[in-house]
Amino acid sequence: MLNHSIMRFLPLVILFPIVGCASIVDGTRQTLSVETISDGQSVAGAQCSLKSNKGTWFVNTPGTVSVHRGYDKLNVKCAKSGYQPGIEAVASSTKGMAFGNILFGGIIGAGVDMSTGAAYDYPDLIKVPIQPIMAATGVPAAVSVPAPVSMSGKTSTQPVD
């Protein structure tokens, strides 16, 4: 009778430490994708820094970077020649596993996951809007305007006869 009771709860005993512990399941690092956009279009080649209380990381867009998970916002700043810098503050969210940790891992497990950042997730994709710098002509400096060409193939600013 005793062996039967033990065997019935053995799977729970084995899974007990794993079920709620976010640090074991996902760890304290997360890979994010960063993209810069302007007028709904992707803009490649921006240099971005991502900063939180856990550290600073760098990536060129579009690209991926591995950051340390945390409760604090992730401040993202992207810069590209011909564009105004784009700044985005990205909030983390608490993972569902963190609540399971409170139930199954106790206060100590939850405290560890919260202090190491393992209890939190940032969005997998961060889109940072950047806007072209306007030139004196009113045309964005990042957009090249083709020179007028005459029918003869020579560059001209005069009307063609």
N, C-alpha and C. Protein backbone atom coordinates (compact mmCIF):
# COMPACT_ATOMS: atom_id res chain seq x y z
N MET A 1 0.82 -1.18 0.00
CA MET A 1 0.00 0.00 0.00
C MET A 1 0.87 1.26 0.00
N LEU A 2 1.91 1.29 0.81
CA LEU A 2 2.80 2.45 0.88
C LEU A 2 3.53 2.65 -0.44
N ASN A 3 4.00 1.56 -1.04
CA ASN A 3 4.70 1.66 -2.32
C ASN A 3 3.79 2.22 -3.40
N HIS A 4 2.53 1.83 -3.39
CA HIS A 4 1.58 2.31 -4.38
C HIS A 4 1.40 3.83 -4.25
N SER A 5 1.30 4.35 -3.04
CA SER A 5 1.14 5.79 -2.81
C SER A 5 2.38 6.56 -3.24
N ILE A 6 3.54 6.02 -2.95
CA ILE A 6 4.79 6.68 -3.35
C ILE A 6 4.90 6.72 -4.86
N MET A 7 4.56 5.63 -5.52
CA MET A 7 4.65 5.55 -6.98
C MET A 7 3.69 6.53 -7.65
N ARG A 8 2.56 6.77 -7.01
CA ARG A 8 1.58 7.68 -7.58
C ARG A 8 2.07 9.12 -7.57
N PHE A 9 2.84 9.50 -6.57
CA PHE A 9 3.32 10.87 -6.45
C PHE A 9 4.75 11.07 -6.94
N LEU A 10 5.40 9.99 -7.35
CA LEU A 10 6.78 10.08 -7.81
C LEU A 10 6.95 11.05 -8.99
N PRO A 11 6.08 11.02 -10.01
CA PRO A 11 6.24 11.99 -11.10
C PRO A 11 6.17 13.43 -10.62
N LEU A 12 5.31 13.72 -9.67
CA LEU A 12 5.21 15.08 -9.13
C LEU A 12 6.48 15.48 -8.40
N VAL A 13 7.05 14.55 -7.67
CA VAL A 13 8.28 14.82 -6.92
C VAL A 13 9.43 15.10 -7.88
N ILE A 14 9.47 14.36 -8.98
CA ILE A 14 10.54 14.56 -9.97
C ILE A 14 10.37 15.90 -10.67
N LEU A 15 9.14 16.26 -11.05
CA LEU A 15 8.88 17.49 -11.78
C LEU A 15 8.83 18.72 -10.88
N PHE A 16 8.66 18.54 -9.61
CA PHE A 16 8.50 19.64 -8.65
C PHE A 16 9.54 20.74 -8.81
N PRO A 17 10.84 20.45 -8.84
CA PRO A 17 11.81 21.54 -8.94
C PRO A 17 11.85 22.20 -10.31
N ILE A 18 11.38 21.52 -11.34
CA ILE A 18 11.50 22.04 -12.71
C ILE A 18 10.31 22.90 -13.10
N VAL A 19 9.11 22.54 -12.65
CA VAL A 19 7.88 23.16 -13.11
C VAL A 19 7.89 24.67 -12.95
N GLY A 20 8.30 25.19 -11.86
CA GLY A 20 8.16 26.60 -11.63
C GLY A 20 9.41 27.42 -11.79
N CYS A 21 10.51 26.84 -12.10
CA CYS A 21 11.76 27.58 -12.07
C CYS A 21 12.11 28.14 -13.45
N ALA A 22 11.87 29.42 -13.63
CA ALA A 22 12.12 30.08 -14.92
C ALA A 22 13.60 30.10 -15.27
N SER A 23 14.46 30.17 -14.26
CA SER A 23 15.90 30.23 -14.55
C SER A 23 16.40 28.92 -15.13
N ILE A 24 15.80 27.80 -14.74
CA ILE A 24 16.20 26.51 -15.29
C ILE A 24 15.65 26.36 -16.70
N VAL A 25 14.42 26.78 -16.93
CA VAL A 25 13.76 26.58 -18.21
C VAL A 25 14.31 27.51 -19.29
N ASP A 26 14.36 28.81 -19.05
CA ASP A 26 14.74 29.78 -20.07
C ASP A 26 16.06 30.50 -19.81
N GLY A 27 16.55 30.47 -18.61
CA GLY A 27 17.80 31.14 -18.29
C GLY A 27 17.65 32.64 -18.10
N THR A 28 18.76 33.31 -17.95
CA THR A 28 18.75 34.74 -17.68
C THR A 28 19.03 35.58 -18.92
N ARG A 29 19.27 34.95 -20.06
CA ARG A 29 19.54 35.67 -21.31
C ARG A 29 18.40 35.44 -22.30
N GLN A 30 18.22 36.43 -23.19
CA GLN A 30 17.18 36.34 -24.20
C GLN A 30 17.71 36.94 -25.50
N THR A 31 17.43 36.27 -26.62
CA THR A 31 17.84 36.78 -27.93
C THR A 31 16.70 37.61 -28.51
N LEU A 32 17.02 38.84 -28.89
CA LEU A 32 16.04 39.77 -29.44
C LEU A 32 16.43 40.16 -30.86
N SER A 33 15.45 40.48 -31.68
CA SER A 33 15.68 41.03 -33.01
C SER A 33 15.39 42.53 -32.95
N VAL A 34 16.24 43.32 -33.60
CA VAL A 34 16.06 44.77 -33.63
C VAL A 34 15.98 45.21 -35.08
N GLU A 35 14.98 46.04 -35.38
CA GLU A 35 14.77 46.53 -36.73
C GLU A 35 14.48 48.03 -36.65
N THR A 36 15.03 48.79 -37.60
CA THR A 36 14.70 50.22 -37.69
C THR A 36 13.75 50.39 -38.86
N ILE A 37 12.74 51.25 -38.66
CA ILE A 37 11.75 51.48 -39.70
C ILE A 37 11.53 52.98 -39.91
N SER A 38 11.19 53.33 -41.14
CA SER A 38 10.84 54.70 -41.50
C SER A 38 9.70 54.63 -42.49
N ASP A 39 8.61 55.28 -42.17
CA ASP A 39 7.40 55.27 -43.01
C ASP A 39 6.97 53.84 -43.35
N GLY A 40 7.05 52.96 -42.40
CA GLY A 40 6.60 51.58 -42.57
C GLY A 40 7.57 50.67 -43.30
N GLN A 41 8.71 51.20 -43.72
CA GLN A 41 9.70 50.41 -44.45
C GLN A 41 10.91 50.15 -43.57
N SER A 42 11.50 48.98 -43.71
CA SER A 42 12.71 48.64 -42.96
C SER A 42 13.88 49.47 -43.47
N VAL A 43 14.70 49.96 -42.55
CA VAL A 43 15.90 50.72 -42.89
C VAL A 43 17.09 49.96 -42.33
N ALA A 44 17.94 49.48 -43.22
CA ALA A 44 19.09 48.67 -42.80
C ALA A 44 20.28 49.57 -42.49
N GLY A 45 21.18 49.07 -41.65
CA GLY A 45 22.46 49.72 -41.40
C GLY A 45 22.50 50.70 -40.25
N ALA A 46 21.46 50.76 -39.43
CA ALA A 46 21.51 51.64 -38.26
C ALA A 46 22.30 50.94 -37.15
N GLN A 47 23.02 51.72 -36.38
CA GLN A 47 23.77 51.19 -35.24
C GLN A 47 22.97 51.47 -33.98
N CYS A 48 22.66 50.39 -33.24
CA CYS A 48 21.80 50.52 -32.07
C CYS A 48 22.51 50.08 -30.80
N SER A 49 22.20 50.77 -29.72
CA SER A 49 22.65 50.36 -28.39
C SER A 49 21.41 50.06 -27.57
N LEU A 50 21.48 48.98 -26.79
CA LEU A 50 20.40 48.57 -25.90
C LEU A 50 20.97 48.61 -24.49
N LYS A 51 20.31 49.33 -23.60
CA LYS A 51 20.86 49.54 -22.26
C LYS A 51 19.80 49.31 -21.19
N SER A 52 20.19 48.58 -20.14
CA SER A 52 19.35 48.40 -18.96
C SER A 52 20.26 48.38 -17.74
N ASN A 53 19.68 48.13 -16.58
CA ASN A 53 20.50 48.05 -15.37
C ASN A 53 21.38 46.79 -15.36
N LYS A 54 21.15 45.87 -16.32
CA LYS A 54 21.93 44.63 -16.40
C LYS A 54 23.10 44.74 -17.36
N GLY A 55 23.18 45.83 -18.17
CA GLY A 55 24.29 45.97 -19.09
C GLY A 55 23.94 46.77 -20.33
N THR A 56 24.90 46.82 -21.27
CA THR A 56 24.73 47.51 -22.54
C THR A 56 25.16 46.56 -23.66
N TRP A 57 24.36 46.53 -24.74
CA TRP A 57 24.63 45.65 -25.87
C TRP A 57 24.50 46.45 -27.15
N PHE A 58 25.15 46.00 -28.22
CA PHE A 58 25.17 46.71 -29.49
C PHE A 58 24.76 45.78 -30.63
N VAL A 59 24.07 46.34 -31.64
CA VAL A 59 23.65 45.56 -32.81
C VAL A 59 23.44 46.51 -33.98
N ASN A 60 23.72 46.03 -35.19
CA ASN A 60 23.40 46.75 -36.42
C ASN A 60 22.10 46.19 -36.96
N THR A 61 21.25 47.06 -37.51
CA THR A 61 19.94 46.62 -37.99
C THR A 61 19.96 46.25 -39.46
N PRO A 62 19.10 45.30 -39.82
CA PRO A 62 18.37 44.42 -38.92
C PRO A 62 19.33 43.38 -38.33
N GLY A 63 19.13 43.04 -37.10
CA GLY A 63 20.03 42.09 -36.46
C GLY A 63 19.46 41.53 -35.17
N THR A 64 20.20 40.59 -34.60
CA THR A 64 19.81 39.98 -33.34
C THR A 64 20.91 40.20 -32.32
N VAL A 65 20.51 40.22 -31.06
CA VAL A 65 21.44 40.42 -29.96
C VAL A 65 20.93 39.66 -28.74
N SER A 66 21.84 39.12 -27.96
CA SER A 66 21.49 38.42 -26.73
C SER A 66 21.67 39.37 -25.56
N VAL A 67 20.58 39.61 -24.82
CA VAL A 67 20.61 40.54 -23.69
C VAL A 67 20.30 39.78 -22.40
N HIS A 68 20.61 40.41 -21.28
CA HIS A 68 20.30 39.86 -19.96
C HIS A 68 18.86 40.26 -19.62
N ARG A 69 18.04 39.29 -19.26
CA ARG A 69 16.65 39.58 -18.89
C ARG A 69 16.62 40.45 -17.64
N GLY A 70 15.57 41.25 -17.50
CA GLY A 70 15.44 42.07 -16.32
C GLY A 70 14.07 42.71 -16.22
N TYR A 71 13.78 43.24 -15.05
CA TYR A 71 12.51 43.93 -14.79
C TYR A 71 12.52 45.32 -15.41
N ASP A 72 13.66 46.00 -15.36
CA ASP A 72 13.74 47.37 -15.85
C ASP A 72 13.55 47.45 -17.36
N LYS A 73 13.16 48.64 -17.80
CA LYS A 73 13.00 48.86 -19.23
C LYS A 73 14.33 48.73 -19.95
N LEU A 74 14.25 48.34 -21.20
CA LEU A 74 15.40 48.25 -22.08
C LEU A 74 15.36 49.49 -22.97
N ASN A 75 16.33 50.38 -22.81
CA ASN A 75 16.37 51.62 -23.58
C ASN A 75 17.18 51.38 -24.85
N VAL A 76 16.52 51.56 -26.00
CA VAL A 76 17.13 51.29 -27.29
C VAL A 76 17.30 52.61 -28.04
N LYS A 77 18.52 52.86 -28.52
CA LYS A 77 18.81 54.07 -29.30
C LYS A 77 19.51 53.65 -30.58
N CYS A 78 18.94 54.05 -31.72
CA CYS A 78 19.50 53.69 -33.03
C CYS A 78 19.86 54.95 -33.80
N ALA A 79 21.00 54.92 -34.47
CA ALA A 79 21.47 56.06 -35.25
C ALA A 79 21.94 55.61 -36.62
N LYS A 80 21.63 56.42 -37.64
CA LYS A 80 22.07 56.16 -39.01
C LYS A 80 22.25 57.51 -39.68
N SER A 81 23.30 57.63 -40.48
CA SER A 81 23.57 58.85 -41.20
C SER A 81 22.37 59.22 -42.07
N GLY A 82 21.97 60.50 -42.03
CA GLY A 82 20.83 60.96 -42.80
C GLY A 82 19.50 60.81 -42.10
N TYR A 83 19.51 60.27 -40.87
CA TYR A 83 18.28 60.06 -40.10
C TYR A 83 18.44 60.63 -38.70
N GLN A 84 17.32 61.08 -38.15
CA GLN A 84 17.31 61.48 -36.75
C GLN A 84 17.41 60.21 -35.91
N PRO A 85 18.10 60.27 -34.77
CA PRO A 85 18.19 59.07 -33.92
C PRO A 85 16.80 58.61 -33.47
N GLY A 86 16.62 57.31 -33.41
CA GLY A 86 15.38 56.74 -32.91
C GLY A 86 15.59 56.20 -31.51
N ILE A 87 14.64 56.48 -30.64
CA ILE A 87 14.75 56.04 -29.24
C ILE A 87 13.46 55.32 -28.86
N GLU A 88 13.62 54.17 -28.24
CA GLU A 88 12.48 53.36 -27.82
C GLU A 88 12.77 52.79 -26.44
N ALA A 89 11.82 52.91 -25.51
CA ALA A 89 11.93 52.29 -24.18
C ALA A 89 11.01 51.08 -24.17
N VAL A 90 11.59 49.88 -24.02
CA VAL A 90 10.85 48.63 -24.13
C VAL A 90 10.67 48.02 -22.74
N ALA A 91 9.43 47.82 -22.35
CA ALA A 91 9.13 47.23 -21.04
C ALA A 91 9.20 45.71 -21.11
N SER A 92 9.59 45.11 -20.01
CA SER A 92 9.58 43.65 -19.91
C SER A 92 8.22 43.22 -19.35
N SER A 93 7.92 41.95 -19.51
CA SER A 93 6.71 41.40 -18.91
C SER A 93 7.10 40.20 -18.05
N THR A 94 6.29 39.93 -17.06
CA THR A 94 6.56 38.80 -16.17
C THR A 94 6.07 37.52 -16.85
N LYS A 95 6.94 36.53 -16.90
CA LYS A 95 6.59 35.25 -17.52
C LYS A 95 5.63 34.48 -16.61
N GLY A 96 4.77 33.68 -17.21
CA GLY A 96 3.83 32.86 -16.46
C GLY A 96 4.52 31.89 -15.52
N MET A 97 5.72 31.44 -15.92
CA MET A 97 6.47 30.50 -15.08
C MET A 97 6.82 31.10 -13.72
N ALA A 98 6.93 32.41 -13.66
CA ALA A 98 7.28 33.05 -12.39
C ALA A 98 6.19 32.81 -11.35
N PHE A 99 4.93 32.81 -11.80
CA PHE A 99 3.83 32.57 -10.87
C PHE A 99 3.80 31.09 -10.44
N GLY A 100 4.15 30.21 -11.36
CA GLY A 100 4.26 28.79 -11.01
C GLY A 100 5.37 28.57 -10.01
N ASN A 101 6.41 29.37 -10.12
CA ASN A 101 7.53 29.27 -9.19
C ASN A 101 7.11 29.62 -7.77
N ILE A 102 6.23 30.59 -7.64
CA ILE A 102 5.74 30.96 -6.31
C ILE A 102 5.00 29.77 -5.69
N LEU A 103 4.18 29.10 -6.51
CA LEU A 103 3.40 27.96 -6.01
C LEU A 103 4.27 26.74 -5.73
N PHE A 104 5.17 26.43 -6.67
CA PHE A 104 5.91 25.17 -6.57
C PHE A 104 7.34 25.33 -6.05
N GLY A 105 7.97 26.46 -6.32
CA GLY A 105 9.35 26.65 -5.91
C GLY A 105 9.49 27.45 -4.64
N GLY A 106 8.40 28.04 -4.21
CA GLY A 106 8.44 28.81 -2.98
C GLY A 106 9.00 30.20 -3.18
N ILE A 107 9.06 30.91 -2.09
CA ILE A 107 9.53 32.30 -2.10
C ILE A 107 10.99 32.39 -2.53
N ILE A 108 11.80 31.43 -2.13
CA ILE A 108 13.23 31.48 -2.47
C ILE A 108 13.41 31.37 -3.98
N GLY A 109 12.74 30.41 -4.62
CA GLY A 109 12.85 30.24 -6.06
C GLY A 109 12.36 31.47 -6.81
N ALA A 110 11.24 32.03 -6.37
CA ALA A 110 10.69 33.24 -7.00
C ALA A 110 11.65 34.41 -6.83
N GLY A 111 12.22 34.53 -5.63
CA GLY A 111 13.18 35.61 -5.37
C GLY A 111 14.41 35.51 -6.25
N VAL A 112 14.91 34.30 -6.44
CA VAL A 112 16.08 34.09 -7.30
C VAL A 112 15.76 34.50 -8.73
N ASP A 113 14.62 34.03 -9.25
CA ASP A 113 14.26 34.34 -10.63
C ASP A 113 14.02 35.83 -10.83
N MET A 114 13.43 36.49 -9.87
CA MET A 114 13.18 37.92 -10.00
C MET A 114 14.47 38.72 -9.91
N SER A 115 15.37 38.32 -9.02
CA SER A 115 16.62 39.08 -8.88
C SER A 115 17.58 38.84 -10.04
N THR A 116 17.56 37.66 -10.64
CA THR A 116 18.45 37.38 -11.77
C THR A 116 17.86 37.84 -13.10
N GLY A 117 16.56 38.16 -13.11
CA GLY A 117 15.90 38.58 -14.35
C GLY A 117 15.24 37.45 -15.09
N ALA A 118 15.43 36.21 -14.65
CA ALA A 118 14.89 35.05 -15.36
C ALA A 118 13.36 35.04 -15.39
N ALA A 119 12.72 35.78 -14.50
CA ALA A 119 11.26 35.81 -14.44
C ALA A 119 10.64 36.74 -15.48
N TYR A 120 11.46 37.43 -16.28
CA TYR A 120 10.96 38.46 -17.19
C TYR A 120 11.34 38.17 -18.65
N ASP A 121 10.54 38.73 -19.54
CA ASP A 121 10.77 38.62 -20.99
C ASP A 121 10.62 39.99 -21.62
N TYR A 122 11.47 40.29 -22.60
CA TYR A 122 11.28 41.45 -23.47
C TYR A 122 10.60 40.95 -24.74
N PRO A 123 9.99 41.83 -25.52
CA PRO A 123 9.41 41.38 -26.80
C PRO A 123 10.51 40.79 -27.68
N ASP A 124 10.19 39.78 -28.47
CA ASP A 124 11.18 39.14 -29.34
C ASP A 124 11.65 40.05 -30.46
N LEU A 125 10.78 40.98 -30.91
CA LEU A 125 11.12 41.91 -31.97
C LEU A 125 10.91 43.33 -31.48
N ILE A 126 11.95 44.14 -31.62
CA ILE A 126 11.87 45.55 -31.25
C ILE A 126 12.01 46.38 -32.52
N LYS A 127 10.98 47.18 -32.84
CA LYS A 127 11.01 48.05 -34.01
C LYS A 127 11.23 49.48 -33.52
N VAL A 128 12.29 50.10 -34.02
CA VAL A 128 12.64 51.46 -33.61
C VAL A 128 12.39 52.39 -34.79
N PRO A 129 11.45 53.35 -34.65
CA PRO A 129 11.20 54.28 -35.75
C PRO A 129 12.30 55.34 -35.84
N ILE A 130 12.77 55.59 -37.07
CA ILE A 130 13.72 56.67 -37.33
C ILE A 130 13.17 57.49 -38.49
N GLN A 131 13.43 58.79 -38.47
CA GLN A 131 12.91 59.68 -39.50
C GLN A 131 14.06 60.34 -40.26
N PRO A 132 13.91 60.47 -41.59
CA PRO A 132 14.97 61.13 -42.37
C PRO A 132 15.12 62.59 -41.95
N ILE A 133 16.34 63.08 -42.02
CA ILE A 133 16.61 64.50 -41.77
C ILE A 133 16.27 65.23 -43.06
N MET A 134 15.49 66.29 -42.96
CA MET A 134 15.09 67.04 -44.14
C MET A 134 16.22 67.98 -44.56
N ALA A 135 16.53 67.96 -45.85
CA ALA A 135 17.53 68.87 -46.41
C ALA A 135 16.85 70.22 -46.66
N ALA A 136 17.64 71.23 -47.03
CA ALA A 136 17.11 72.57 -47.28
C ALA A 136 16.08 72.56 -48.42
N THR A 137 16.14 71.59 -49.30
CA THR A 137 15.22 71.50 -50.42
C THR A 137 13.86 70.96 -50.01
N GLY A 138 13.74 70.48 -48.77
CA GLY A 138 12.49 69.88 -48.32
C GLY A 138 12.41 68.40 -48.63
N VAL A 139 13.46 67.87 -49.27
CA VAL A 139 13.52 66.44 -49.58
C VAL A 139 14.36 65.77 -48.49
N PRO A 140 13.93 64.61 -48.00
CA PRO A 140 14.74 63.94 -46.98
C PRO A 140 16.18 63.76 -47.44
N ALA A 141 17.13 64.08 -46.56
CA ALA A 141 18.55 63.97 -46.90
C ALA A 141 18.96 62.54 -47.17
N ALA A 142 18.24 61.57 -46.63
CA ALA A 142 18.60 60.17 -46.82
C ALA A 142 18.11 59.62 -48.15
N VAL A 143 17.30 60.41 -48.88
CA VAL A 143 16.78 59.97 -50.16
C VAL A 143 17.53 60.69 -51.26
N SER A 144 18.10 59.95 -52.20
CA SER A 144 18.81 60.60 -53.30
C SER A 144 17.82 60.92 -54.40
N VAL A 145 17.94 62.13 -54.94
CA VAL A 145 17.06 62.58 -56.01
C VAL A 145 17.85 62.52 -57.31
N PRO A 146 17.35 61.80 -58.31
CA PRO A 146 18.10 61.72 -59.56
C PRO A 146 18.15 63.07 -60.26
N ALA A 147 19.28 63.35 -60.92
CA ALA A 147 19.44 64.59 -61.66
C ALA A 147 18.58 64.52 -62.91
N PRO A 148 18.02 65.66 -63.34
CA PRO A 148 17.23 65.66 -64.57
C PRO A 148 18.12 65.30 -65.76
N VAL A 149 17.58 64.53 -66.68
CA VAL A 149 18.33 64.09 -67.85
C VAL A 149 17.56 64.49 -69.10
N SER A 150 18.28 65.06 -70.07
CA SER A 150 17.63 65.44 -71.33
C SER A 150 17.54 64.23 -72.24
N MET A 151 16.87 64.39 -73.34
CA MET A 151 16.72 63.31 -74.30
C MET A 151 18.06 62.89 -74.90
N SER A 152 19.04 63.80 -74.91
CA SER A 152 20.34 63.48 -75.48
C SER A 152 21.19 62.68 -74.50
N GLY A 153 20.74 62.54 -73.24
CA GLY A 153 21.49 61.80 -72.25
C GLY A 153 22.41 62.67 -71.42
N LYS A 154 22.47 63.99 -71.74
CA LYS A 154 23.30 64.91 -70.98
C LYS A 154 22.48 65.49 -69.84
N THR A 155 23.15 65.74 -68.72
CA THR A 155 22.47 66.32 -67.58
C THR A 155 22.13 67.76 -67.88
N SER A 156 20.89 68.14 -67.58
CA SER A 156 20.46 69.51 -67.89
C SER A 156 19.39 69.90 -66.89
N THR A 157 19.37 71.17 -66.57
CA THR A 157 18.30 71.69 -65.73
C THR A 157 17.37 72.57 -66.59
N GLN A 158 17.66 72.68 -67.89
CA GLN A 158 16.85 73.45 -68.82
C GLN A 158 15.79 72.55 -69.45
N PRO A 159 14.64 73.11 -69.80
CA PRO A 159 13.63 72.29 -70.46
C PRO A 159 14.12 71.80 -71.82
N VAL A 160 13.69 70.61 -72.20
CA VAL A 160 14.08 70.02 -73.49
C VAL A 160 13.13 70.56 -74.56
N ASP A 161 13.72 70.98 -75.71
CA ASP A 161 12.89 71.51 -76.82
C ASP A 161 12.13 70.42 -77.50
